[in-house]
Amino acid sequence: MSIVRLSIVLSFIFIHPVLFAKGNAKLGKQKSVTCVACHGANGISNSPIWPNLAGQKAQYLVKQLKDFRSGARKEPSMSPMVKPLTDADIENLAAYYSSLKCK
């Protein structure tokens, strides 16, 4: 592979990391039904006390959800919601919310 072609490929990978996310946004949308109560339809919160999830980076969402699940991050309302999620569920939710536009 020529240096030019390699440079183009690597640039594309680093510019578009969402294209290489592990999760499945379609499955994440299906799983997000519970999230809507606080984080709103399409990831836009209904209340100023809950954050918008739309447009967040997938890696950030994965870390936060796993921290809630493990107890590393404590929030009385989030921990029980995240506890039953599998790693795949978390990856899918992150893929879904990171694919949405924040308004």
PDB file of N, CA and C in Angstrom:
ATOM      1  N   MET A   1       0.855  -1.173   0.000  1.00  0.00           N
ATOM      2  CA  MET A   1       0.000   0.000   0.000  1.00  0.00           C
ATOM      3  C   MET A   1       0.901   1.236   0.000  1.00  0.00           C
ATOM      4  N   SER A   2       0.586   2.176  -0.848  1.00  0.00           N
ATOM      5  CA  SER A   2       1.405   3.384  -0.930  1.00  0.00           C
ATOM      6  C   SER A   2       1.200   4.246   0.312  1.00  0.00           C
ATOM      7  N   ILE A   3       2.161   5.106   0.563  1.00  0.00           N
ATOM      8  CA  ILE A   3       2.094   5.992   1.722  1.00  0.00           C
ATOM      9  C   ILE A   3       0.898   6.929   1.623  1.00  0.00           C
ATOM     10  N   VAL A   4       0.565   7.368   0.412  1.00  0.00           N
ATOM     11  CA  VAL A   4      -0.579   8.258   0.220  1.00  0.00           C
ATOM     12  C   VAL A   4      -1.876   7.525   0.559  1.00  0.00           C
ATOM     13  N   ARG A   5      -2.028   6.328   0.040  1.00  0.00           N
ATOM     14  CA  ARG A   5      -3.236   5.549   0.299  1.00  0.00           C
ATOM     15  C   ARG A   5      -3.362   5.239   1.795  1.00  0.00           C
ATOM     16  N   LEU A   6      -2.269   4.865   2.426  1.00  0.00           N
ATOM     17  CA  LEU A   6      -2.267   4.578   3.855  1.00  0.00           C
ATOM     18  C   LEU A   6      -2.656   5.819   4.649  1.00  0.00           C
ATOM     19  N   SER A   7      -2.147   6.973   4.259  1.00  0.00           N
ATOM     20  CA  SER A   7      -2.485   8.228   4.938  1.00  0.00           C
ATOM     21  C   SER A   7      -3.969   8.529   4.830  1.00  0.00           C
ATOM     22  N   ILE A   8      -4.539   8.298   3.666  1.00  0.00           N
ATOM     23  CA  ILE A   8      -5.969   8.541   3.461  1.00  0.00           C
ATOM     24  C   ILE A   8      -6.798   7.607   4.330  1.00  0.00           C
ATOM     25  N   VAL A   9      -6.453   6.342   4.344  1.00  0.00           N
ATOM     26  CA  VAL A   9      -7.195   5.363   5.145  1.00  0.00           C
ATOM     27  C   VAL A   9      -7.115   5.714   6.628  1.00  0.00           C
ATOM     28  N   LEU A  10      -5.923   6.010   7.120  1.00  0.00           N
ATOM     29  CA  LEU A  10      -5.765   6.349   8.535  1.00  0.00           C
ATOM     30  C   LEU A  10      -6.499   7.634   8.888  1.00  0.00           C
ATOM     31  N   SER A  11      -6.474   8.617   8.005  1.00  0.00           N
ATOM     32  CA  SER A  11      -7.206   9.860   8.248  1.00  0.00           C
ATOM     33  C   SER A  11      -8.692   9.593   8.375  1.00  0.00           C
ATOM     34  N   PHE A  12      -9.223   8.761   7.509  1.00  0.00           N
ATOM     35  CA  PHE A  12     -10.644   8.428   7.547  1.00  0.00           C
ATOM     36  C   PHE A  12     -11.006   7.755   8.862  1.00  0.00           C
ATOM     37  N   ILE A  13     -10.172   6.841   9.309  1.00  0.00           N
ATOM     38  CA  ILE A  13     -10.435   6.128  10.561  1.00  0.00           C
ATOM     39  C   ILE A  13     -10.472   7.093  11.734  1.00  0.00           C
ATOM     40  N   PHE A  14      -9.525   8.021  11.807  1.00  0.00           N
ATOM     41  CA  PHE A  14      -9.466   8.927  12.945  1.00  0.00           C
ATOM     42  C   PHE A  14     -10.504  10.039  12.867  1.00  0.00           C
ATOM     43  N   ILE A  15     -10.926  10.403  11.691  1.00  0.00           N
ATOM     44  CA  ILE A  15     -11.930  11.450  11.540  1.00  0.00           C
ATOM     45  C   ILE A  15     -13.329  10.915  11.819  1.00  0.00           C
ATOM     46  N   HIS A  16     -13.579   9.655  11.536  1.00  0.00           N
ATOM     47  CA  HIS A  16     -14.914   9.079  11.667  1.00  0.00           C
ATOM     48  C   HIS A  16     -14.945   7.894  12.633  1.00  0.00           C
ATOM     49  N   PRO A  17     -14.627   8.107  13.924  1.00  0.00           N
ATOM     50  CA  PRO A  17     -14.594   6.980  14.853  1.00  0.00           C
ATOM     51  C   PRO A  17     -15.954   6.345  15.090  1.00  0.00           C
ATOM     52  N   VAL A  18     -17.050   7.082  14.912  1.00  0.00           N
ATOM     53  CA  VAL A  18     -18.381   6.512  15.132  1.00  0.00           C
ATOM     54  C   VAL A  18     -18.655   5.372  14.154  1.00  0.00           C
ATOM     55  N   LEU A  19     -18.066   5.430  12.977  1.00  0.00           N
ATOM     56  CA  LEU A  19     -18.275   4.373  11.997  1.00  0.00           C
ATOM     57  C   LEU A  19     -17.707   3.039  12.463  1.00  0.00           C
ATOM     58  N   PHE A  20     -16.817   3.087  13.437  1.00  0.00           N
ATOM     59  CA  PHE A  20     -16.172   1.875  13.916  1.00  0.00           C
ATOM     60  C   PHE A  20     -16.605   1.508  15.331  1.00  0.00           C
ATOM     61  N   ALA A  21     -17.718   2.077  15.785  1.00  0.00           N
ATOM     62  CA  ALA A  21     -18.235   1.765  17.117  1.00  0.00           C
ATOM     63  C   ALA A  21     -18.628   0.294  17.183  1.00  0.00           C
ATOM     64  N   LYS A  22     -18.519  -0.267  18.370  1.00  0.00           N
ATOM     65  CA  LYS A  22     -18.814  -1.680  18.562  1.00  0.00           C
ATOM     66  C   LYS A  22     -20.307  -1.966  18.570  1.00  0.00           C
ATOM     67  N   GLY A  23     -21.103  -1.036  19.059  1.00  0.00           N
ATOM     68  CA  GLY A  23     -22.523  -1.286  19.268  1.00  0.00           C
ATOM     69  C   GLY A  23     -23.366  -1.197  18.019  1.00  0.00           C
ATOM     70  N   ASN A  24     -24.607  -1.624  18.179  1.00  0.00           N
ATOM     71  CA  ASN A  24     -25.601  -1.612  17.117  1.00  0.00           C
ATOM     72  C   ASN A  24     -26.666  -0.585  17.498  1.00  0.00           C
ATOM     73  N   ALA A  25     -26.717   0.527  16.772  1.00  0.00           N
ATOM     74  CA  ALA A  25     -27.630   1.616  17.105  1.00  0.00           C
ATOM     75  C   ALA A  25     -29.093   1.184  17.050  1.00  0.00           C
ATOM     76  N   LYS A  26     -29.443   0.308  16.124  1.00  0.00           N
ATOM     77  CA  LYS A  26     -30.835  -0.146  16.014  1.00  0.00           C
ATOM     78  C   LYS A  26     -31.247  -0.906  17.279  1.00  0.00           C
ATOM     79  N   LEU A  27     -30.376  -1.797  17.749  1.00  0.00           N
ATOM     80  CA  LEU A  27     -30.666  -2.525  18.988  1.00  0.00           C
ATOM     81  C   LEU A  27     -30.648  -1.584  20.187  1.00  0.00           C
ATOM     82  N   GLY A  28     -29.773  -0.586  20.150  1.00  0.00           N
ATOM     83  CA  GLY A  28     -29.725   0.404  21.220  1.00  0.00           C
ATOM     84  C   GLY A  28     -31.009   1.200  21.309  1.00  0.00           C
ATOM     85  N   LYS A  29     -31.571   1.556  20.171  1.00  0.00           N
ATOM     86  CA  LYS A  29     -32.840   2.290  20.172  1.00  0.00           C
ATOM     87  C   LYS A  29     -33.934   1.448  20.810  1.00  0.00           C
ATOM     88  N   GLN A  30     -33.971   0.160  20.489  1.00  0.00           N
ATOM     89  CA  GLN A  30     -34.966  -0.728  21.091  1.00  0.00           C
ATOM     90  C   GLN A  30     -34.786  -0.801  22.608  1.00  0.00           C
ATOM     91  N   LYS A  31     -33.560  -0.815  23.065  1.00  0.00           N
ATOM     92  CA  LYS A  31     -33.262  -0.936  24.495  1.00  0.00           C
ATOM     93  C   LYS A  31     -33.490   0.380  25.231  1.00  0.00           C
ATOM     94  N   SER A  32     -33.558   1.493  24.527  1.00  0.00           N
ATOM     95  CA  SER A  32     -33.632   2.815  25.153  1.00  0.00           C
ATOM     96  C   SER A  32     -35.011   3.183  25.686  1.00  0.00           C
ATOM     97  N   VAL A  33     -35.979   2.311  25.544  1.00  0.00           N
ATOM     98  CA  VAL A  33     -37.354   2.608  25.975  1.00  0.00           C
ATOM     99  C   VAL A  33     -37.389   3.068  27.433  1.00  0.00           C
ATOM    100  N   THR A  34     -36.628   2.435  28.287  1.00  0.00           N
ATOM    101  CA  THR A  34     -36.598   2.801  29.703  1.00  0.00           C
ATOM    102  C   THR A  34     -35.929   4.152  29.917  1.00  0.00           C
ATOM    103  N   CYS A  35     -34.947   4.471  29.116  1.00  0.00           N
ATOM    104  CA  CYS A  35     -34.172   5.705  29.275  1.00  0.00           C
ATOM    105  C   CYS A  35     -35.015   6.953  29.001  1.00  0.00           C
ATOM    106  N   VAL A  36     -36.031   6.797  28.164  1.00  0.00           N
ATOM    107  CA  VAL A  36     -36.849   7.924  27.711  1.00  0.00           C
ATOM    108  C   VAL A  36     -37.519   8.648  28.869  1.00  0.00           C
ATOM    109  N   ALA A  37     -37.878   7.936  29.923  1.00  0.00           N
ATOM    110  CA  ALA A  37     -38.583   8.553  31.051  1.00  0.00           C
ATOM    111  C   ALA A  37     -37.818   9.749  31.618  1.00  0.00           C
ATOM    112  N   CYS A  38     -36.516   9.648  31.703  1.00  0.00           N
ATOM    113  CA  CYS A  38     -35.706  10.745  32.250  1.00  0.00           C
ATOM    114  C   CYS A  38     -34.916  11.499  31.183  1.00  0.00           C
ATOM    115  N   HIS A  39     -34.374  10.765  30.222  1.00  0.00           N
ATOM    116  CA  HIS A  39     -33.477  11.374  29.243  1.00  0.00           C
ATOM    117  C   HIS A  39     -34.192  11.815  27.973  1.00  0.00           C
ATOM    118  N   GLY A  40     -35.513  11.608  27.922  1.00  0.00           N
ATOM    119  CA  GLY A  40     -36.332  12.122  26.844  1.00  0.00           C
ATOM    120  C   GLY A  40     -36.249  11.355  25.536  1.00  0.00           C
ATOM    121  N   ALA A  41     -37.238  11.640  24.701  1.00  0.00           N
ATOM    122  CA  ALA A  41     -37.275  11.044  23.365  1.00  0.00           C
ATOM    123  C   ALA A  41     -36.071  11.551  22.585  1.00  0.00           C
ATOM    124  N   ASN A  42     -35.446  10.666  21.859  1.00  0.00           N
ATOM    125  CA  ASN A  42     -34.269  11.006  21.055  1.00  0.00           C
ATOM    126  C   ASN A  42     -33.111  11.558  21.880  1.00  0.00           C
ATOM    127  N   GLY A  43     -33.073  11.197  23.175  1.00  0.00           N
ATOM    128  CA  GLY A  43     -31.939  11.572  24.008  1.00  0.00           C
ATOM    129  C   GLY A  43     -31.902  13.012  24.464  1.00  0.00           C
ATOM    130  N   ILE A  44     -32.992  13.739  24.295  1.00  0.00           N
ATOM    131  CA  ILE A  44     -33.073  15.126  24.755  1.00  0.00           C
ATOM    132  C   ILE A  44     -33.906  15.131  26.034  1.00  0.00           C
ATOM    133  N   SER A  45     -33.280  15.492  27.133  1.00  0.00           N
ATOM    134  CA  SER A  45     -33.881  15.384  28.457  1.00  0.00           C
ATOM    135  C   SER A  45     -35.143  16.221  28.614  1.00  0.00           C
ATOM    136  N   ASN A  46     -36.055  15.673  29.419  1.00  0.00           N
ATOM    137  CA  ASN A  46     -37.295  16.378  29.748  1.00  0.00           C
ATOM    138  C   ASN A  46     -37.097  17.368  30.891  1.00  0.00           C
ATOM    139  N   SER A  47     -35.999  17.260  31.593  1.00  0.00           N
ATOM    140  CA  SER A  47     -35.778  18.050  32.796  1.00  0.00           C
ATOM    141  C   SER A  47     -34.323  18.516  32.855  1.00  0.00           C
ATOM    142  N   PRO A  48     -34.095  19.685  33.432  1.00  0.00           N
ATOM    143  CA  PRO A  48     -32.714  20.161  33.535  1.00  0.00           C
ATOM    144  C   PRO A  48     -31.849  19.341  34.502  1.00  0.00           C
ATOM    145  N   ILE A  49     -32.467  18.499  35.317  1.00  0.00           N
ATOM    146  CA  ILE A  49     -31.659  17.708  36.257  1.00  0.00           C
ATOM    147  C   ILE A  49     -31.092  16.440  35.630  1.00  0.00           C
ATOM    148  N   TRP A  50     -31.578  16.053  34.442  1.00  0.00           N
ATOM    149  CA  TRP A  50     -31.075  14.858  33.754  1.00  0.00           C
ATOM    150  C   TRP A  50     -30.357  15.281  32.486  1.00  0.00           C
ATOM    151  N   PRO A  51     -29.206  14.708  32.211  1.00  0.00           N
ATOM    152  CA  PRO A  51     -28.438  15.127  31.027  1.00  0.00           C
ATOM    153  C   PRO A  51     -29.022  14.621  29.710  1.00  0.00           C
ATOM    154  N   ASN A  52     -28.765  15.385  28.663  1.00  0.00           N
ATOM    155  CA  ASN A  52     -29.052  14.912  27.311  1.00  0.00           C
ATOM    156  C   ASN A  52     -28.050  13.810  26.984  1.00  0.00           C
ATOM    157  N   LEU A  53     -28.501  12.780  26.305  1.00  0.00           N
ATOM    158  CA  LEU A  53     -27.614  11.704  25.876  1.00  0.00           C
ATOM    159  C   LEU A  53     -27.302  11.802  24.384  1.00  0.00           C
ATOM    160  N   ALA A  54     -28.169  12.469  23.644  1.00  0.00           N
ATOM    161  CA  ALA A  54     -27.977  12.609  22.197  1.00  0.00           C
ATOM    162  C   ALA A  54     -26.668  13.321  21.901  1.00  0.00           C
ATOM    163  N   GLY A  55     -25.901  12.742  20.989  1.00  0.00           N
ATOM    164  CA  GLY A  55     -24.669  13.364  20.544  1.00  0.00           C
ATOM    165  C   GLY A  55     -23.460  13.151  21.444  1.00  0.00           C
ATOM    166  N   GLN A  56     -23.651  12.470  22.564  1.00  0.00           N
ATOM    167  CA  GLN A  56     -22.501  12.172  23.433  1.00  0.00           C
ATOM    168  C   GLN A  56     -21.591  11.171  22.727  1.00  0.00           C
ATOM    169  N   LYS A  57     -20.328  11.206  23.038  1.00  0.00           N
ATOM    170  CA  LYS A  57     -19.389  10.240  22.458  1.00  0.00           C
ATOM    171  C   LYS A  57     -19.687   8.851  23.009  1.00  0.00           C
ATOM    172  N   ALA A  58     -19.655   7.862  22.131  1.00  0.00           N
ATOM    173  CA  ALA A  58     -19.968   6.486  22.517  1.00  0.00           C
ATOM    174  C   ALA A  58     -19.053   6.004  23.636  1.00  0.00           C
ATOM    175  N   GLN A  59     -17.765   6.301  23.533  1.00  0.00           N
ATOM    176  CA  GLN A  59     -16.815   5.839  24.545  1.00  0.00           C
ATOM    177  C   GLN A  59     -17.145   6.419  25.916  1.00  0.00           C
ATOM    178  N   TYR A  60     -17.570   7.670  25.942  1.00  0.00           N
ATOM    179  CA  TYR A  60     -17.956   8.316  27.201  1.00  0.00           C
ATOM    180  C   TYR A  60     -19.175   7.619  27.798  1.00  0.00           C
ATOM    181  N   LEU A  61     -20.184   7.376  26.966  1.00  0.00           N
ATOM    182  CA  LEU A  61     -21.397   6.720  27.457  1.00  0.00           C
ATOM    183  C   LEU A  61     -21.101   5.319  27.979  1.00  0.00           C
ATOM    184  N   VAL A  62     -20.278   4.581  27.265  1.00  0.00           N
ATOM    185  CA  VAL A  62     -19.913   3.227  27.708  1.00  0.00           C
ATOM    186  C   VAL A  62     -19.256   3.294  29.079  1.00  0.00           C
ATOM    187  N   LYS A  63     -18.301   4.193  29.241  1.00  0.00           N
ATOM    188  CA  LYS A  63     -17.600   4.293  30.526  1.00  0.00           C
ATOM    189  C   LYS A  63     -18.559   4.652  31.649  1.00  0.00           C
ATOM    190  N   GLN A  64     -19.417   5.639  31.423  1.00  0.00           N
ATOM    191  CA  GLN A  64     -20.329   6.074  32.478  1.00  0.00           C
ATOM    192  C   GLN A  64     -21.319   4.971  32.855  1.00  0.00           C
ATOM    193  N   LEU A  65     -21.883   4.305  31.861  1.00  0.00           N
ATOM    194  CA  LEU A  65     -22.839   3.231  32.151  1.00  0.00           C
ATOM    195  C   LEU A  65     -22.171   2.074  32.893  1.00  0.00           C
ATOM    196  N   LYS A  66     -20.962   1.725  32.484  1.00  0.00           N
ATOM    197  CA  LYS A  66     -20.246   0.648  33.183  1.00  0.00           C
ATOM    198  C   LYS A  66     -19.881   1.070  34.604  1.00  0.00           C
ATOM    199  N   ASP A  67     -19.543   2.341  34.795  1.00  0.00           N
ATOM    200  CA  ASP A  67     -19.248   2.832  36.143  1.00  0.00           C
ATOM    201  C   ASP A  67     -20.493   2.813  37.027  1.00  0.00           C
ATOM    202  N   PHE A  68     -21.645   3.185  36.481  1.00  0.00           N
ATOM    203  CA  PHE A  68     -22.898   3.079  37.247  1.00  0.00           C
ATOM    204  C   PHE A  68     -23.163   1.621  37.617  1.00  0.00           C
ATOM    205  N   ARG A  69     -22.994   0.744  36.664  1.00  0.00           N
ATOM    206  CA  ARG A  69     -23.272  -0.680  36.875  1.00  0.00           C
ATOM    207  C   ARG A  69     -22.356  -1.283  37.937  1.00  0.00           C
ATOM    208  N   SER A  70     -21.091  -0.917  37.921  1.00  0.00           N
ATOM    209  CA  SER A  70     -20.127  -1.487  38.871  1.00  0.00           C
ATOM    210  C   SER A  70     -20.185  -0.826  40.246  1.00  0.00           C
ATOM    211  N   GLY A  71     -20.790   0.352  40.314  1.00  0.00           N
ATOM    212  CA  GLY A  71     -20.816   1.090  41.572  1.00  0.00           C
ATOM    213  C   GLY A  71     -19.685   2.100  41.691  1.00  0.00           C
ATOM    214  N   ALA A  72     -18.807   2.166  40.690  1.00  0.00           N
ATOM    215  CA  ALA A  72     -17.722   3.150  40.702  1.00  0.00           C
ATOM    216  C   ALA A  72     -18.281   4.571  40.644  1.00  0.00           C
ATOM    217  N   ARG A  73     -19.402   4.731  39.980  1.00  0.00           N
ATOM    218  CA  ARG A  73     -20.122   6.003  39.959  1.00  0.00           C
ATOM    219  C   ARG A  73     -21.465   5.742  40.614  1.00  0.00           C
ATOM    220  N   LYS A  74     -21.785   6.541  41.612  1.00  0.00           N
ATOM    221  CA  LYS A  74     -22.991   6.295  42.389  1.00  0.00           C
ATOM    222  C   LYS A  74     -24.075   7.321  42.075  1.00  0.00           C
ATOM    223  N   GLU A  75     -25.241   6.821  41.800  1.00  0.00           N
ATOM    224  CA  GLU A  75     -26.429   7.642  41.566  1.00  0.00           C
ATOM    225  C   GLU A  75     -27.615   6.733  41.876  1.00  0.00           C
ATOM    226  N   PRO A  76     -28.368   7.036  42.929  1.00  0.00           N
ATOM    227  CA  PRO A  76     -29.436   6.134  43.370  1.00  0.00           C
ATOM    228  C   PRO A  76     -30.461   5.767  42.291  1.00  0.00           C
ATOM    229  N   SER A  77     -30.724   6.672  41.370  1.00  0.00           N
ATOM    230  CA  SER A  77     -31.724   6.350  40.344  1.00  0.00           C
ATOM    231  C   SER A  77     -31.128   5.613  39.145  1.00  0.00           C
ATOM    232  N   MET A  78     -29.845   5.806  38.873  1.00  0.00           N
ATOM    233  CA  MET A  78     -29.239   5.171  37.698  1.00  0.00           C
ATOM    234  C   MET A  78     -28.748   3.753  37.957  1.00  0.00           C
ATOM    235  N   SER A  79     -28.166   3.527  39.106  1.00  0.00           N
ATOM    236  CA  SER A  79     -27.569   2.215  39.383  1.00  0.00           C
ATOM    237  C   SER A  79     -28.534   1.056  39.167  1.00  0.00           C
ATOM    238  N   PRO A  80     -29.766   1.111  39.698  1.00  0.00           N
ATOM    239  CA  PRO A  80     -30.680  -0.015  39.463  1.00  0.00           C
ATOM    240  C   PRO A  80     -31.119  -0.143  38.003  1.00  0.00           C
ATOM    241  N   MET A  81     -31.109   0.956  37.276  1.00  0.00           N
ATOM    242  CA  MET A  81     -31.510   0.910  35.866  1.00  0.00           C
ATOM    243  C   MET A  81     -30.439   0.232  35.012  1.00  0.00           C
ATOM    244  N   VAL A  82     -29.187   0.430  35.374  1.00  0.00           N
ATOM    245  CA  VAL A  82     -28.063  -0.064  34.584  1.00  0.00           C
ATOM    246  C   VAL A  82     -27.629  -1.466  35.007  1.00  0.00           C
ATOM    247  N   LYS A  83     -27.926  -1.829  36.244  1.00  0.00           N
ATOM    248  CA  LYS A  83     -27.463  -3.113  36.792  1.00  0.00           C
ATOM    249  C   LYS A  83     -27.752  -4.304  35.876  1.00  0.00           C
ATOM    250  N   PRO A  84     -28.964  -4.438  35.301  1.00  0.00           N
ATOM    251  CA  PRO A  84     -29.235  -5.621  34.470  1.00  0.00           C
ATOM    252  C   PRO A  84     -28.669  -5.564  33.049  1.00  0.00           C
ATOM    253  N   LEU A  85     -28.067  -4.448  32.655  1.00  0.00           N
ATOM    254  CA  LEU A  85     -27.560  -4.322  31.284  1.00  0.00           C
ATOM    255  C   LEU A  85     -26.304  -5.159  31.079  1.00  0.00           C
ATOM    256  N   THR A  86     -26.232  -5.817  29.942  1.00  0.00           N
ATOM    257  CA  THR A  86     -25.024  -6.547  29.558  1.00  0.00           C
ATOM    258  C   THR A  86     -24.050  -5.567  28.898  1.00  0.00           C
ATOM    259  N   ASP A  87     -22.818  -6.006  28.693  1.00  0.00           N
ATOM    260  CA  ASP A  87     -21.855  -5.170  27.969  1.00  0.00           C
ATOM    261  C   ASP A  87     -22.377  -4.848  26.571  1.00  0.00           C
ATOM    262  N   ALA A  88     -23.017  -5.819  25.924  1.00  0.00           N
ATOM    263  CA  ALA A  88     -23.572  -5.597  24.581  1.00  0.00           C
ATOM    264  C   ALA A  88     -24.683  -4.552  24.628  1.00  0.00           C
ATOM    265  N   ASP A  89     -25.550  -4.611  25.642  1.00  0.00           N
ATOM    266  CA  ASP A  89     -26.608  -3.608  25.795  1.00  0.00           C
ATOM    267  C   ASP A  89     -25.997  -2.214  25.908  1.00  0.00           C
ATOM    268  N   ILE A  90     -24.967  -2.104  26.716  1.00  0.00           N
ATOM    269  CA  ILE A  90     -24.305  -0.810  26.930  1.00  0.00           C
ATOM    270  C   ILE A  90     -23.683  -0.302  25.631  1.00  0.00           C
ATOM    271  N   GLU A  91     -23.010  -1.162  24.912  1.00  0.00           N
ATOM    272  CA  GLU A  91     -22.412  -0.772  23.624  1.00  0.00           C
ATOM    273  C   GLU A  91     -23.500  -0.331  22.641  1.00  0.00           C
ATOM    274  N   ASN A  92     -24.617  -1.042  22.624  1.00  0.00           N
ATOM    275  CA  ASN A  92     -25.715  -0.707  21.718  1.00  0.00           C
ATOM    276  C   ASN A  92     -26.353   0.630  22.087  1.00  0.00           C
ATOM    277  N   LEU A  93     -26.585   0.855  23.375  1.00  0.00           N
ATOM    278  CA  LEU A  93     -27.139   2.139  23.809  1.00  0.00           C
ATOM    279  C   LEU A  93     -26.191   3.282  23.457  1.00  0.00           C
ATOM    280  N   ALA A  94     -24.914   3.076  23.677  1.00  0.00           N
ATOM    281  CA  ALA A  94     -23.924   4.108  23.355  1.00  0.00           C
ATOM    282  C   ALA A  94     -23.900   4.395  21.857  1.00  0.00           C
ATOM    283  N   ALA A  95     -23.987   3.353  21.045  1.00  0.00           N
ATOM    284  CA  ALA A  95     -24.015   3.543  19.588  1.00  0.00           C
ATOM    285  C   ALA A  95     -25.251   4.332  19.176  1.00  0.00           C
ATOM    286  N   TYR A  96     -26.385   4.012  19.788  1.00  0.00           N
ATOM    287  CA  TYR A  96     -27.630   4.707  19.456  1.00  0.00           C
ATOM    288  C   TYR A  96     -27.546   6.187  19.836  1.00  0.00           C
ATOM    289  N   TYR A  97     -27.245   6.468  21.096  1.00  0.00           N
ATOM    290  CA  TYR A  97     -27.250   7.860  21.537  1.00  0.00           C
ATOM    291  C   TYR A  97     -26.156   8.690  20.870  1.00  0.00           C
ATOM    292  N   SER A  98     -25.023   8.096  20.584  1.00  0.00           N
ATOM    293  CA  SER A  98     -23.960   8.855  19.915  1.00  0.00           C
ATOM    294  C   SER A  98     -24.303   9.150  18.458  1.00  0.00           C
ATOM    295  N   SER A  99     -25.240   8.395  17.895  1.00  0.00           N
ATOM    296  CA  SER A  99     -25.635   8.624  16.500  1.00  0.00           C
ATOM    297  C   SER A  99     -26.656   9.748  16.355  1.00  0.00           C
ATOM    298  N   LEU A 100     -27.247  10.174  17.470  1.00  0.00           N
ATOM    299  CA  LEU A 100     -28.285  11.205  17.431  1.00  0.00           C
ATOM    300  C   LEU A 100     -27.676  12.599  17.467  1.00  0.00           C
ATOM    301  N   LYS A 101     -28.390  13.544  16.897  1.00  0.00           N
ATOM    302  CA  LYS A 101     -27.969  14.943  16.924  1.00  0.00           C
ATOM    303  C   LYS A 101     -28.505  15.588  18.195  1.00  0.00           C
ATOM    304  N   CYS A 102     -27.660  16.360  18.850  1.00  0.00           N
ATOM    305  CA  CYS A 102     -28.095  17.112  20.024  1.00  0.00           C
ATOM    306  C   CYS A 102     -28.714  18.413  19.529  1.00  0.00           C
ATOM    307  N   LYS A 103     -29.869  18.730  20.055  1.00  0.00           N
ATOM    308  CA  LYS A 103     -30.572  19.943  19.596  1.00  0.00           C
ATOM    309  C   LYS A 103     -30.256  21.121  20.473  1.00  0.00           C
TER     310      LYS A 103
END
